[in-house]
C-alpha atoms as a PDB file:
ATOM      1  CA  MET A   1      11.247 -17.957  -3.536  1.00  0.00           C
ATOM      2  CA  PHE A   2       9.792 -16.633  -6.779  1.00  0.00           C
ATOM      3  CA  ARG A   3       8.059 -19.956  -7.497  1.00  0.00           C
ATOM      4  CA  ASP A   4       5.554 -19.072  -4.760  1.00  0.00           C
ATOM      5  CA  ILE A   5       4.148 -16.345  -7.024  1.00  0.00           C
ATOM      6  CA  LEU A   6       1.515 -17.619  -9.455  1.00  0.00           C
ATOM      7  CA  GLY A   7       0.460 -16.071 -12.746  1.00  0.00           C
ATOM      8  CA  GLN A   8       3.153 -13.380 -13.026  1.00  0.00           C
ATOM      9  CA  GLU A   9       5.833 -15.186 -15.019  1.00  0.00           C
ATOM     10  CA  LYS A  10       6.684 -12.206 -17.249  1.00  0.00           C
ATOM     11  CA  THR A  11       7.122  -9.933 -14.259  1.00  0.00           C
ATOM     12  CA  ILE A  12       9.303 -12.448 -12.409  1.00  0.00           C
ATOM     13  CA  ASN A  13      11.498 -12.853 -15.487  1.00  0.00           C
ATOM     14  CA  GLN A  14      11.873  -9.075 -15.671  1.00  0.00           C
ATOM     15  CA  LEU A  15      12.972  -8.905 -12.032  1.00  0.00           C
ATOM     16  CA  LYS A  16      15.419 -11.780 -12.456  1.00  0.00           C
ATOM     17  CA  LYS A  17      16.979  -9.994 -15.418  1.00  0.00           C
ATOM     18  CA  PHE A  18      17.588  -6.949 -13.229  1.00  0.00           C
ATOM     19  CA  ILE A  19      19.385  -9.140 -10.693  1.00  0.00           C
ATOM     20  CA  ALA A  20      21.364 -11.004 -13.368  1.00  0.00           C
ATOM     21  CA  SER A  21      22.563  -7.765 -14.947  1.00  0.00           C
ATOM     22  CA  GLY A  22      23.586  -6.254 -11.629  1.00  0.00           C
ATOM     23  CA  ARG A  23      21.703  -3.100 -12.625  1.00  0.00           C
ATOM     24  CA  ILE A  24      18.972  -2.834 -10.027  1.00  0.00           C
ATOM     25  CA  PRO A  25      16.568   0.099 -10.536  1.00  0.00           C
ATOM     26  CA  GLN A  26      16.655   2.209  -7.408  1.00  0.00           C
ATOM     27  CA  ALA A  27      13.004   3.207  -7.758  1.00  0.00           C
ATOM     28  CA  MET A  28      10.387   0.777  -9.035  1.00  0.00           C
ATOM     29  CA  LEU A  29       6.630   1.057  -9.496  1.00  0.00           C
ATOM     30  CA  PHE A  30       4.786  -2.239  -9.067  1.00  0.00           C
ATOM     31  CA  TYR A  31       1.348  -1.587 -10.541  1.00  0.00           C
ATOM     32  CA  GLY A  32      -1.685  -3.705 -11.296  1.00  0.00           C
ATOM     33  CA  PRO A  33      -5.035  -4.756  -9.831  1.00  0.00           C
ATOM     34  CA  LYS A  34      -5.318  -5.382  -6.118  1.00  0.00           C
ATOM     35  CA  GLY A  35      -4.693  -8.992  -5.169  1.00  0.00           C
ATOM     36  CA  THR A  36      -2.377  -9.924  -8.052  1.00  0.00           C
ATOM     37  CA  GLY A  37       0.788 -10.528  -6.036  1.00  0.00           C
ATOM     38  CA  LYS A  38       2.503  -7.138  -5.865  1.00  0.00           C
ATOM     39  CA  ALA A  39       3.159  -7.233  -2.125  1.00  0.00           C
ATOM     40  CA  LEU A  40       4.385 -10.829  -2.130  1.00  0.00           C
ATOM     41  CA  THR A  41       6.616 -10.155  -5.132  1.00  0.00           C
ATOM     42  CA  ALA A  42       8.129  -7.072  -3.493  1.00  0.00           C
ATOM     43  CA  LYS A  43       9.105  -9.160  -0.476  1.00  0.00           C
ATOM     44  CA  LYS A  44      10.466 -12.002  -2.632  1.00  0.00           C
ATOM     45  CA  PHE A  45      12.507  -9.500  -4.650  1.00  0.00           C
ATOM     46  CA  ALA A  46      13.984  -8.030  -1.465  1.00  0.00           C
ATOM     47  CA  MET A  47      14.877 -11.563  -0.375  1.00  0.00           C
ATOM     48  CA  ALA A  48      16.495 -12.366  -3.732  1.00  0.00           C
ATOM     49  CA  LEU A  49      18.610  -9.203  -3.536  1.00  0.00           C
ATOM     50  CA  ASN A  50      19.891 -10.107  -0.078  1.00  0.00           C
ATOM     51  CA  CYS A  51      19.879 -13.914   0.125  1.00  0.00           C
ATOM     52  CA  THR A  52      23.194 -15.405   1.281  1.00  0.00           C
ATOM     53  CA  ASP A  53      22.624 -18.912  -0.116  1.00  0.00           C
ATOM     54  CA  GLU A  54      24.988 -19.379  -3.073  1.00  0.00           C
ATOM     55  CA  ALA A  55      22.792 -21.902  -4.902  1.00  0.00           C
ATOM     56  CA  ALA A  56      19.750 -19.614  -4.711  1.00  0.00           C
ATOM     57  CA  ARG A  57      21.801 -16.593  -5.762  1.00  0.00           C
ATOM     58  CA  ALA A  58      23.032 -18.496  -8.823  1.00  0.00           C
ATOM     59  CA  GLU A  59      19.366 -18.769  -9.870  1.00  0.00           C
ATOM     60  CA  PHE A  60      18.748 -15.067  -9.084  1.00  0.00           C
ATOM     61  CA  ASP A  61      16.337 -16.198  -6.386  1.00  0.00           C
ATOM     62  CA  SER A  62      16.151 -16.625  -2.614  1.00  0.00           C
ATOM     63  CA  CYS A  63      16.361 -19.659  -0.339  1.00  0.00           C
ATOM     64  CA  GLY A  64      13.845 -18.543   2.269  1.00  0.00           C
ATOM     65  CA  THR A  65      15.931 -20.065   5.062  1.00  0.00           C
ATOM     66  CA  CYS A  66      19.049 -17.910   5.492  1.00  0.00           C
ATOM     67  CA  LEU A  67      19.044 -15.258   8.214  1.00  0.00           C
ATOM     68  CA  ASN A  68      18.441 -12.389   5.777  1.00  0.00           C
ATOM     69  CA  CYS A  69      15.500 -14.195   4.155  1.00  0.00           C
ATOM     70  CA  LYS A  70      13.937 -15.142   7.489  1.00  0.00           C
ATOM     71  CA  ASN A  71      14.192 -11.600   8.820  1.00  0.00           C
ATOM     72  CA  ILE A  72      12.695 -10.104   5.661  1.00  0.00           C
ATOM     73  CA  ILE A  73       9.811 -12.586   5.822  1.00  0.00           C
ATOM     74  CA  ALA A  74       9.202 -11.562   9.438  1.00  0.00           C
ATOM     75  CA  ASN A  75       9.577  -7.816   8.677  1.00  0.00           C
ATOM     76  CA  THR A  76      12.349  -7.638  11.284  1.00  0.00           C
ATOM     77  CA  HIS A  77      15.350  -7.047   9.020  1.00  0.00           C
ATOM     78  CA  PRO A  78      17.048  -3.704   9.830  1.00  0.00           C
ATOM     79  CA  ASP A  79      17.569  -3.005   6.115  1.00  0.00           C
ATOM     80  CA  PHE A  80      14.014  -3.816   5.026  1.00  0.00           C
ATOM     81  CA  VAL A  81      11.165  -1.357   5.600  1.00  0.00           C
ATOM     82  CA  TRP A  82       7.537  -2.187   4.852  1.00  0.00           C
ATOM     83  CA  GLY A  83       5.428   0.960   4.798  1.00  0.00           C
ATOM     84  CA  ASP A  84       1.698   0.270   4.763  1.00  0.00           C
ATOM     85  CA  PHE A  85      -1.386   1.402   6.691  1.00  0.00           C
ATOM     86  CA  ALA A  86      -0.386  -0.706   9.710  1.00  0.00           C
ATOM     87  CA  TYR A  87       3.068   0.906   9.697  1.00  0.00           C
ATOM     88  CA  GLN A  88       1.473   4.346   9.504  1.00  0.00           C
ATOM     89  CA  ALA A  89      -1.022   3.545  12.268  1.00  0.00           C
ATOM     90  CA  GLY A  90       1.888   2.612  14.514  1.00  0.00           C
ATOM     91  CA  LEU A  91       3.464   6.012  13.908  1.00  0.00           C
ATOM     92  CA  THR A  92       0.305   8.083  14.331  1.00  0.00           C
ATOM     93  CA  GLY A  93      -1.387   6.088  17.093  1.00  0.00           C
ATOM     94  CA  LYS A  94      -4.590   5.824  15.048  1.00  0.00           C
ATOM     95  CA  GLU A  95      -6.517   2.666  14.179  1.00  0.00           C
ATOM     96  CA  VAL A  96      -5.439   0.782  11.059  1.00  0.00           C
ATOM     97  CA  GLU A  97      -9.044   0.681   9.817  1.00  0.00           C
ATOM     98  CA  LYS A  98      -9.164   4.485   9.754  1.00  0.00           C
ATOM     99  CA  GLN A  99      -6.137   4.853   7.462  1.00  0.00           C
ATOM    100  CA  GLN A 100      -7.178   5.978   3.984  1.00  0.00           C
ATOM    101  CA  HIS A 101      -4.073   7.758   2.687  1.00  0.00           C
ATOM    102  CA  MET A 102      -0.339   7.313   3.100  1.00  0.00           C
ATOM    103  CA  ASN A 103       0.597  10.602   4.749  1.00  0.00           C
ATOM    104  CA  ILE A 104       3.732  12.657   5.151  1.00  0.00           C
ATOM    105  CA  GLU A 105       4.560  11.283   8.616  1.00  0.00           C
ATOM    106  CA  ALA A 106       4.949   7.755   7.256  1.00  0.00           C
ATOM    107  CA  VAL A 107       6.884   8.884   4.184  1.00  0.00           C
ATOM    108  CA  ARG A 108       9.269  11.024   6.242  1.00  0.00           C
ATOM    109  CA  ASP A 109       9.918   8.131   8.600  1.00  0.00           C
ATOM    110  CA  MET A 110      10.748   5.903   5.638  1.00  0.00           C
ATOM    111  CA  THR A 111      12.981   8.482   3.967  1.00  0.00           C
ATOM    112  CA  THR A 112      14.877   8.943   7.225  1.00  0.00           C
ATOM    113  CA  LYS A 113      15.463   5.186   7.379  1.00  0.00           C
ATOM    114  CA  SER A 114      16.551   5.184   3.735  1.00  0.00           C
ATOM    115  CA  GLN A 115      19.492   7.404   4.677  1.00  0.00           C
ATOM    116  CA  GLN A 116      20.714   5.212   7.521  1.00  0.00           C
ATOM    117  CA  LYS A 117      23.761   2.997   7.118  1.00  0.00           C
ATOM    118  CA  ILE A 118      23.103  -0.464   5.704  1.00  0.00           C
ATOM    119  CA  MET A 119      23.607  -3.014   8.474  1.00  0.00           C
ATOM    120  CA  THR A 120      23.753  -6.585   7.142  1.00  0.00           C
ATOM    121  CA  ALA A 121      22.198  -6.572   3.662  1.00  0.00           C
ATOM    122  CA  ARG A 122      23.600  -5.907   0.212  1.00  0.00           C
ATOM    123  CA  TYR A 123      20.628  -3.671  -0.555  1.00  0.00           C
ATOM    124  CA  LYS A 124      18.350  -1.656   1.687  1.00  0.00           C
ATOM    125  CA  VAL A 125      14.813  -2.156   0.373  1.00  0.00           C
ATOM    126  CA  LEU A 126      11.891   0.123   1.244  1.00  0.00           C
ATOM    127  CA  VAL A 127       8.403  -0.884   0.109  1.00  0.00           C
ATOM    128  CA  LEU A 128       5.648   1.736   0.139  1.00  0.00           C
ATOM    129  CA  ASP A 129       2.273   0.026  -0.152  1.00  0.00           C
ATOM    130  CA  HIS A 130      -0.916   1.859  -1.231  1.00  0.00           C
ATOM    131  CA  ALA A 131       1.371   4.353  -2.978  1.00  0.00           C
ATOM    132  CA  GLU A 132      -1.456   5.783  -5.071  1.00  0.00           C
ATOM    133  CA  THR A 133      -3.102   7.031  -1.866  1.00  0.00           C
ATOM    134  CA  MET A 134      -0.223   9.376  -0.996  1.00  0.00           C
ATOM    135  CA  LEU A 135      -1.326  12.920  -0.283  1.00  0.00           C
ATOM    136  CA  PRO A 136       0.488  15.594  -2.353  1.00  0.00           C
ATOM    137  CA  ASP A 137       2.789  16.677   0.477  1.00  0.00           C
ATOM    138  CA  ALA A 138       3.785  13.050   1.077  1.00  0.00           C
ATOM    139  CA  ALA A 139       4.477  12.465  -2.620  1.00  0.00           C
ATOM    140  CA  ASN A 140       6.571  15.619  -2.846  1.00  0.00           C
ATOM    141  CA  ALA A 141       8.521  14.608   0.264  1.00  0.00           C
ATOM    142  CA  LEU A 142       9.294  11.255  -1.351  1.00  0.00           C
ATOM    143  CA  LEU A 143      10.292  12.686  -4.724  1.00  0.00           C
ATOM    144  CA  LYS A 144      13.744  13.925  -3.697  1.00  0.00           C
ATOM    145  CA  PHE A 145      14.695  10.534  -2.285  1.00  0.00           C
ATOM    146  CA  ILE A 146      13.772   8.561  -5.388  1.00  0.00           C
ATOM    147  CA  GLU A 147      15.514  11.155  -7.563  1.00  0.00           C
ATOM    148  CA  GLU A 148      18.718  10.883  -5.531  1.00  0.00           C
ATOM    149  CA  PRO A 149      18.547   7.613  -3.587  1.00  0.00           C
ATOM    150  CA  ALA A 150      21.312   6.528  -1.258  1.00  0.00           C
ATOM    151  CA  ALA A 151      23.761   3.943  -2.584  1.00  0.00           C
ATOM    152  CA  ASN A 152      22.462   0.357  -2.738  1.00  0.00           C
ATOM    153  CA  THR A 153      18.983   1.525  -1.773  1.00  0.00           C
ATOM    154  CA  VAL A 154      15.891   0.313  -3.621  1.00  0.00           C
ATOM    155  CA  TRP A 155      12.432   1.888  -3.353  1.00  0.00           C
ATOM    156  CA  ILE A 156       9.416  -0.194  -4.408  1.00  0.00           C
ATOM    157  CA  LEU A 157       6.083   1.607  -4.702  1.00  0.00           C
ATOM    158  CA  ASN A 158       3.036  -0.677  -4.837  1.00  0.00           C
ATOM    159  CA  CYS A 159      -0.099   0.752  -6.423  1.00  0.00           C
ATOM    160  CA  ALA A 160      -3.363  -0.615  -7.774  1.00  0.00           C
ATOM    161  CA  LYS A 161      -4.013   2.351 -10.082  1.00  0.00           C
ATOM    162  CA  LYS A 162      -0.982   3.836 -11.795  1.00  0.00           C
ATOM    163  CA  ASP A 163      -3.005   6.744 -13.192  1.00  0.00           C
ATOM    164  CA  LEU A 164      -3.487   8.083  -9.649  1.00  0.00           C
ATOM    165  CA  MET A 165       0.265   8.486  -9.147  1.00  0.00           C
ATOM    166  CA  LEU A 166       1.943  11.858  -9.683  1.00  0.00           C
ATOM    167  CA  SER A 167       3.587  11.995 -13.105  1.00  0.00           C
ATOM    168  CA  THR A 168       6.814  13.211 -11.495  1.00  0.00           C
ATOM    169  CA  ILE A 169       6.902  10.049  -9.367  1.00  0.00           C
ATOM    170  CA  LYS A 170       6.021   7.718 -12.249  1.00  0.00           C
ATOM    171  CA  SER A 171       8.644   9.191 -14.553  1.00  0.00           C
ATOM    172  CA  ARG A 172      11.399   8.418 -12.048  1.00  0.00           C
ATOM    173  CA  CYS A 173      10.397   4.803 -11.425  1.00  0.00           C
ATOM    174  CA  GLN A 174      10.986   1.642 -13.411  1.00  0.00           C
ATOM    175  CA  ALA A 175       7.498   0.378 -14.236  1.00  0.00           C
ATOM    176  CA  VAL A 176       6.833  -3.271 -13.328  1.00  0.00           C
ATOM    177  CA  PRO A 177       3.342  -4.386 -14.435  1.00  0.00           C
ATOM    178  CA  PHE A 178       1.179  -7.049 -12.785  1.00  0.00           C
ATOM    179  CA  ALA A 179      -1.554  -8.620 -14.918  1.00  0.00           C
ATOM    180  CA  PRO A 180      -4.899  -9.950 -13.660  1.00  0.00           C
ATOM    181  CA  LEU A 181      -4.548 -13.592 -12.652  1.00  0.00           C
ATOM    182  CA  LYS A 182      -6.066 -16.436 -14.612  1.00  0.00           C
ATOM    183  CA  ALA A 183      -9.007 -18.134 -12.910  1.00  0.00           C
ATOM    184  CA  LYS A 184      -6.913 -21.286 -12.401  1.00  0.00           C
ATOM    185  CA  ASN A 185      -4.262 -19.271 -10.569  1.00  0.00           C
ATOM    186  CA  VAL A 186      -6.907 -17.763  -8.291  1.00  0.00           C
ATOM    187  CA  VAL A 187      -8.351 -21.209  -7.538  1.00  0.00           C
ATOM    188  CA  ASP A 188      -4.877 -22.615  -6.834  1.00  0.00           C
ATOM    189  CA  ILE A 189      -4.113 -19.774  -4.413  1.00  0.00           C
ATOM    190  CA  LEU A 190      -7.410 -20.208  -2.584  1.00  0.00           C
ATOM    191  CA  THR A 191      -7.200 -23.992  -2.303  1.00  0.00           C
ATOM    192  CA  PHE A 192      -3.613 -23.680  -1.052  1.00  0.00           C
ATOM    193  CA  CYS A 193      -5.065 -21.507   1.728  1.00  0.00           C
ATOM    194  CA  GLY A 194      -7.528 -24.266   2.622  1.00  0.00           C
ATOM    195  CA  ILE A 195     -10.610 -23.038   0.749  1.00  0.00           C
ATOM    196  CA  ASP A 196     -12.961 -25.719  -0.596  1.00  0.00           C
ATOM    197  CA  ALA A 197     -12.333 -26.255  -4.328  1.00  0.00           C
ATOM    198  CA  ASP A 198     -15.964 -25.655  -5.377  1.00  0.00           C
ATOM    199  CA  LEU A 199     -16.184 -22.461  -3.328  1.00  0.00           C
ATOM    200  CA  ALA A 200     -12.810 -21.346  -4.714  1.00  0.00           C
ATOM    201  CA  ALA A 201     -13.991 -21.899  -8.286  1.00  0.00           C
ATOM    202  CA  ARG A 202     -17.179 -19.929  -7.660  1.00  0.00           C
ATOM    203  CA  ALA A 203     -15.246 -17.060  -6.081  1.00  0.00           C
ATOM    204  CA  ALA A 204     -12.703 -17.050  -8.922  1.00  0.00           C
ATOM    205  CA  ARG A 205     -15.523 -16.471 -11.404  1.00  0.00           C
ATOM    206  CA  PHE A 206     -16.276 -13.123  -9.764  1.00  0.00           C
ATOM    207  CA  SER A 207     -12.703 -12.205  -8.840  1.00  0.00           C
ATOM    208  CA  GLY A 208     -11.691 -10.220 -11.906  1.00  0.00           C
ATOM    209  CA  GLY A 209      -8.318 -11.954 -11.742  1.00  0.00           C
ATOM    210  CA  SER A 210      -7.634 -10.861  -8.162  1.00  0.00           C
ATOM    211  CA  ALA A 211      -7.005 -13.343  -5.356  1.00  0.00           C
ATOM    212  CA  GLY A 212      -7.787 -10.568  -2.881  1.00  0.00           C
ATOM    213  CA  LYS A 213     -11.149  -9.890  -4.529  1.00  0.00           C
ATOM    214  CA  ALA A 214     -11.853 -13.636  -4.503  1.00  0.00           C
ATOM    215  CA  ARG A 215     -11.369 -13.706  -0.725  1.00  0.00           C
ATOM    216  CA  GLU A 216     -13.833 -10.822  -0.409  1.00  0.00           C
ATOM    217  CA  VAL A 217     -16.316 -12.774  -2.541  1.00  0.00           C
ATOM    218  CA  ILE A 218     -15.904 -15.802  -0.275  1.00  0.00           C
ATOM    219  CA  ASN A 219     -16.656 -13.684   2.797  1.00  0.00           C
ATOM    220  CA  VAL A 220     -19.812 -12.393   1.132  1.00  0.00           C
ATOM    221  CA  LEU A 221     -20.907 -15.880   0.051  1.00  0.00           C
ATOM    222  CA  GLU A 222     -20.382 -17.191   3.572  1.00  0.00           C
ATOM    223  CA  ASN A 223     -22.410 -14.290   4.999  1.00  0.00           C
ATOM    224  CA  LEU A 224     -25.208 -15.018   2.522  1.00  0.00           C
ATOM    225  CA  ASN A 225     -25.122 -18.739   3.241  1.00  0.00           C
ATOM    226  CA  GLY A 226     -28.611 -19.960   4.057  1.00  0.00           C
ATOM    227  CA  ALA A 227     -30.432 -17.000   2.513  1.00  0.00           C
ATOM    228  CA  ASP A 228     -32.952 -17.983  -0.162  1.00  0.00           C
ATOM    229  CA  ALA A 229     -32.208 -15.754  -3.147  1.00  0.00           C
ATOM    230  CA  SER A 230     -35.617 -16.509  -4.641  1.00  0.00           C
ATOM    231  CA  ALA A 231     -37.455 -15.152  -1.592  1.00  0.00           C
ATOM    232  CA  GLU A 232     -38.941 -11.659  -1.565  1.00  0.00           C
ATOM    233  CA  THR A 233     -37.041 -11.003   1.663  1.00  0.00           C
ATOM    234  CA  PHE A 234     -33.639 -11.721   0.078  1.00  0.00           C
ATOM    235  CA  PRO A 235     -32.750  -8.053  -0.635  1.00  0.00           C
ATOM    236  CA  TYR A 236     -33.355  -7.180   3.023  1.00  0.00           C
ATOM    237  CA  GLU A 237     -31.458 -10.250   4.263  1.00  0.00           C
ATOM    238  CA  ALA A 238     -28.475  -9.477   2.025  1.00  0.00           C
ATOM    239  CA  ALA A 239     -28.379  -5.844   3.150  1.00  0.00           C
ATOM    240  CA  ALA A 240     -28.516  -6.982   6.781  1.00  0.00           C
ATOM    241  CA  THR A 241     -25.242  -8.924   6.348  1.00  0.00           C
ATOM    242  CA  LEU A 242     -23.218  -5.752   5.730  1.00  0.00           C
ATOM    243  CA  SER A 243     -20.750  -4.680   8.400  1.00  0.00           C
ATOM    244  CA  ARG A 244     -21.558  -1.878  10.802  1.00  0.00           C
ATOM    245  CA  THR A 245     -18.582   0.284   9.846  1.00  0.00           C
ATOM    246  CA  LEU A 246     -19.218   2.410   6.762  1.00  0.00           C
ATOM    247  CA  ALA A 247     -15.986   1.603   4.922  1.00  0.00           C
ATOM    248  CA  GLN A 248     -16.422  -2.150   5.339  1.00  0.00           C
ATOM    249  CA  ALA A 249     -20.120  -2.015   4.459  1.00  0.00           C
ATOM    250  CA  ARG A 250     -19.337  -0.046   1.318  1.00  0.00           C
ATOM    251  CA  GLY A 251     -16.725  -2.586   0.248  1.00  0.00           C
ATOM    252  CA  GLU A 252     -19.068  -5.515   0.870  1.00  0.00           C
ATOM    253  CA  ALA A 253     -21.865  -3.798  -1.056  1.00  0.00           C
ATOM    254  CA  TYR A 254     -19.491  -3.293  -3.988  1.00  0.00           C
ATOM    255  CA  VAL A 255     -18.650  -6.999  -3.976  1.00  0.00           C
ATOM    256  CA  ILE A 256     -22.310  -8.085  -4.038  1.00  0.00           C
ATOM    257  CA  LEU A 257     -23.210  -5.556  -6.729  1.00  0.00           C
ATOM    258  CA  ASP A 258     -20.207  -6.595  -8.816  1.00  0.00           C
ATOM    259  CA  MET A 259     -21.148 -10.262  -8.447  1.00  0.00           C
ATOM    260  CA  ALA A 260     -24.652  -9.462  -9.650  1.00  0.00           C
ATOM    261  CA  ALA A 261     -23.332  -7.408 -12.561  1.00  0.00           C
ATOM    262  CA  GLN A 262     -20.917 -10.143 -13.638  1.00  0.00           C
ATOM    263  CA  GLY A 263     -23.642 -12.763 -13.401  1.00  0.00           C
ATOM    264  CA  LEU A 264     -26.066 -10.643 -15.410  1.00  0.00           C
ATOM    265  CA  HIS A 265     -23.440  -9.980 -18.055  1.00  0.00           C
ATOM    266  CA  ASP A 266     -22.829 -13.723 -18.393  1.00  0.00           C
ATOM    267  CA  MET A 267     -26.577 -14.299 -18.692  1.00  0.00           C
ATOM    268  CA  TRP A 268     -26.874 -11.568 -21.337  1.00  0.00           C
ATOM    269  CA  THR A 269     -24.174 -13.129 -23.516  1.00  0.00           C
ATOM    270  CA  LYS A 270     -25.942 -16.518 -23.470  1.00  0.00           C
ATOM    271  CA  GLU A 271     -29.565 -15.335 -23.719  1.00  0.00           C
ATOM    272  CA  LYS A 272     -31.284 -15.676 -27.122  1.00  0.00           C
ATOM    273  CA  ASP A 273     -34.604 -14.003 -26.342  1.00  0.00           C
ATOM    274  CA  VAL A 274     -34.430 -10.340 -27.401  1.00  0.00           C
ATOM    275  CA  GLN A 275     -36.872  -9.102 -24.760  1.00  0.00           C
ATOM    276  CA  ILE A 276     -35.058 -10.859 -21.922  1.00  0.00           C
ATOM    277  CA  LYS A 277     -31.721  -9.520 -23.181  1.00  0.00           C
ATOM    278  CA  GLU A 278     -33.144  -6.004 -23.074  1.00  0.00           C
ATOM    279  CA  LYS A 279     -34.459  -6.576 -19.540  1.00  0.00           C
ATOM    280  CA  ILE A 280     -30.999  -7.731 -18.436  1.00  0.00           C
ATOM    281  CA  LYS A 281     -29.417  -4.718 -20.109  1.00  0.00           C
ATOM    282  CA  GLN A 282     -31.689  -2.292 -18.267  1.00  0.00           C
ATOM    283  CA  THR A 283     -31.079  -4.096 -14.972  1.00  0.00           C
ATOM    284  CA  LEU A 284     -27.322  -3.760 -15.494  1.00  0.00           C
ATOM    285  CA  LYS A 285     -27.774  -0.016 -15.939  1.00  0.00           C
ATOM    286  CA  GLN A 286     -29.653   0.135 -12.648  1.00  0.00           C
ATOM    287  CA  LEU A 287     -26.885  -1.787 -10.877  1.00  0.00           C
ATOM    288  CA  SER A 288     -24.353   0.674 -12.227  1.00  0.00           C
ATOM    289  CA  TYR A 289     -26.424   3.527 -10.821  1.00  0.00           C
ATOM    290  CA  TYR A 290     -26.654   1.949  -7.356  1.00  0.00           C
ATOM    291  CA  ARG A 291     -22.927   1.219  -7.321  1.00  0.00           C
ATOM    292  CA  TYR A 292     -22.312   4.888  -8.073  1.00  0.00           C
ATOM    293  CA  ALA A 293     -24.769   5.827  -5.315  1.00  0.00           C
ATOM    294  CA  VAL A 294     -22.735   3.819  -2.792  1.00  0.00           C
ATOM    295  CA  SER A 295     -19.607   5.708  -3.848  1.00  0.00           C
ATOM    296  CA  ARG A 296     -21.453   8.990  -3.249  1.00  0.00           C
ATOM    297  CA  ASN A 297     -22.152   8.191   0.405  1.00  0.00           C
ATOM    298  CA  VAL A 298     -25.659   6.808   0.010  1.00  0.00           C
ATOM    299  CA  SER A 299     -26.264   4.214   2.730  1.00  0.00           C
ATOM    300  CA  PRO A 300     -24.683   0.963   1.431  1.00  0.00           C
ATOM    301  CA  SER A 301     -27.438  -1.182   2.971  1.00  0.00           C
ATOM    302  CA  LEU A 302     -30.205   0.957   1.467  1.00  0.00           C
ATOM    303  CA  ALA A 303     -28.559   1.040  -1.971  1.00  0.00           C
ATOM    304  CA  LEU A 304     -27.922  -2.711  -1.923  1.00  0.00           C
ATOM    305  CA  GLU A 305     -31.442  -3.585  -0.786  1.00  0.00           C
ATOM    306  CA  THR A 306     -32.968  -1.419  -3.518  1.00  0.00           C
ATOM    307  CA  ALA A 307     -30.592  -2.799  -6.155  1.00  0.00           C
ATOM    308  CA  LEU A 308     -31.466  -6.398  -5.293  1.00  0.00           C
ATOM    309  CA  MET A 309     -35.141  -5.533  -5.582  1.00  0.00           C
ATOM    310  CA  GLU A 310     -34.356  -4.424  -9.145  1.00  0.00           C
ATOM    311  CA  THR A 311     -32.612  -7.728  -9.894  1.00  0.00           C
ATOM    312  CA  GLY A 312     -35.373  -9.691  -8.141  1.00  0.00           C
ATOM    313  CA  GLU A 313     -36.374 -12.105 -10.921  1.00  0.00           C
ATOM    314  CA  PHE A 314     -32.712 -12.954 -11.564  1.00  0.00           C
ATOM    315  CA  ASN A 315     -31.539 -13.300  -7.949  1.00  0.00           C
ATOM    316  CA  GLN A 316     -31.926 -17.064  -7.724  1.00  0.00           C
ATOM    317  CA  GLN A 317     -29.707 -17.559 -10.784  1.00  0.00           C
ATOM    318  CA  LEU A 318     -27.198 -14.998  -9.534  1.00  0.00           C
ATOM    319  CA  PHE A 319     -26.771 -16.044  -5.914  1.00  0.00           C
ATOM    320  CA  ASN A 320     -27.934 -19.666  -5.447  1.00  0.00           C
END
C-alpha cells in the first residue's frame, strides 16, 4: 500500500493520477538519491496496477493481501520482473558483491520476458534497478523495447543519478522524481525497523535525506562504539574497523569522511571565532582531498587514518 512510503507524497500523487486516468506510461524513470524509496515505490506501483481487491482499486492503491499482491511482494509473480544485481548474479553465476554494472545479459533476459504473454496480471511490470550503471551495449539493447513496448507492459528504471543515463533513454521515459527525505521521515523508518530512537536521530543527521545512508551511518557508529575519539589512537582504531573487501571499505570510509564533513560544516556555521572558523574551513578542504583520494584507489584505511589525524582536535565533538 502506498501509505507505507514516507516522505514522497508528491510522487505518490503523481502515480495515482496515472492509474486514475488509465494512461499508464510504458516507460518510467524513477530518479533521486539512494535510499529515498524508489525500489519500494516501484513494487507498490506494480501492486496497485494489478491488485484484485475492488476497495483498494477504487483508491488507486493495493490491498497487499490478494494473490497478485502477495506474489509481487515475494518476487514470484510471473508478470513481475525485478532486475537488480542479485538477479544478474543469478544469470552470470558471479557473486552479487562483484556486480558493478547492469550488463547486457541481464537486460536481454528482461527484454525477452517483456515479450512473453501476460499470465494473470493486468500489466506486466519490469523494474530495472541501478539503471544508471548500465553499460552502453546494455542501454542500447533496452532502447528498442522502451520505444516499442509490448501491450500492457510497463518498464520502471530506478536510478540514483539521472545525469548518468543515456539521453536517448531519458527522453523516452516519464520522469518520476524522488526528493531527499526529511529527517523525521528517516527517523520514523529507522525506528519502525527497530533502531533505538536516539541512534536513529543521530544517524538521520548525517543521512542527507536517505534512509539507506542512515543505515550505513548506524553500521559505522556501531563499529566505532567504544573507541575514544579524543585519543591519539582514534584515527588508527577507526581505520581498523573498515571491511577487508575494497568496495565495502571504500563505502565505509566515505561514510565516516562524510560524517566528519557534515559535523565540521555544522560547527563552522555556529562558530564565532574567526581563527577557528578558518581552521575548520581548511580542515574541510583536507577532508575533501582525502575523499577524492579514496575514489582514486588510494587505500581507504590509509586515507581515512590520515584524514582523521587532520581532524584530530575536532574528533571528540564529531564522533563522541
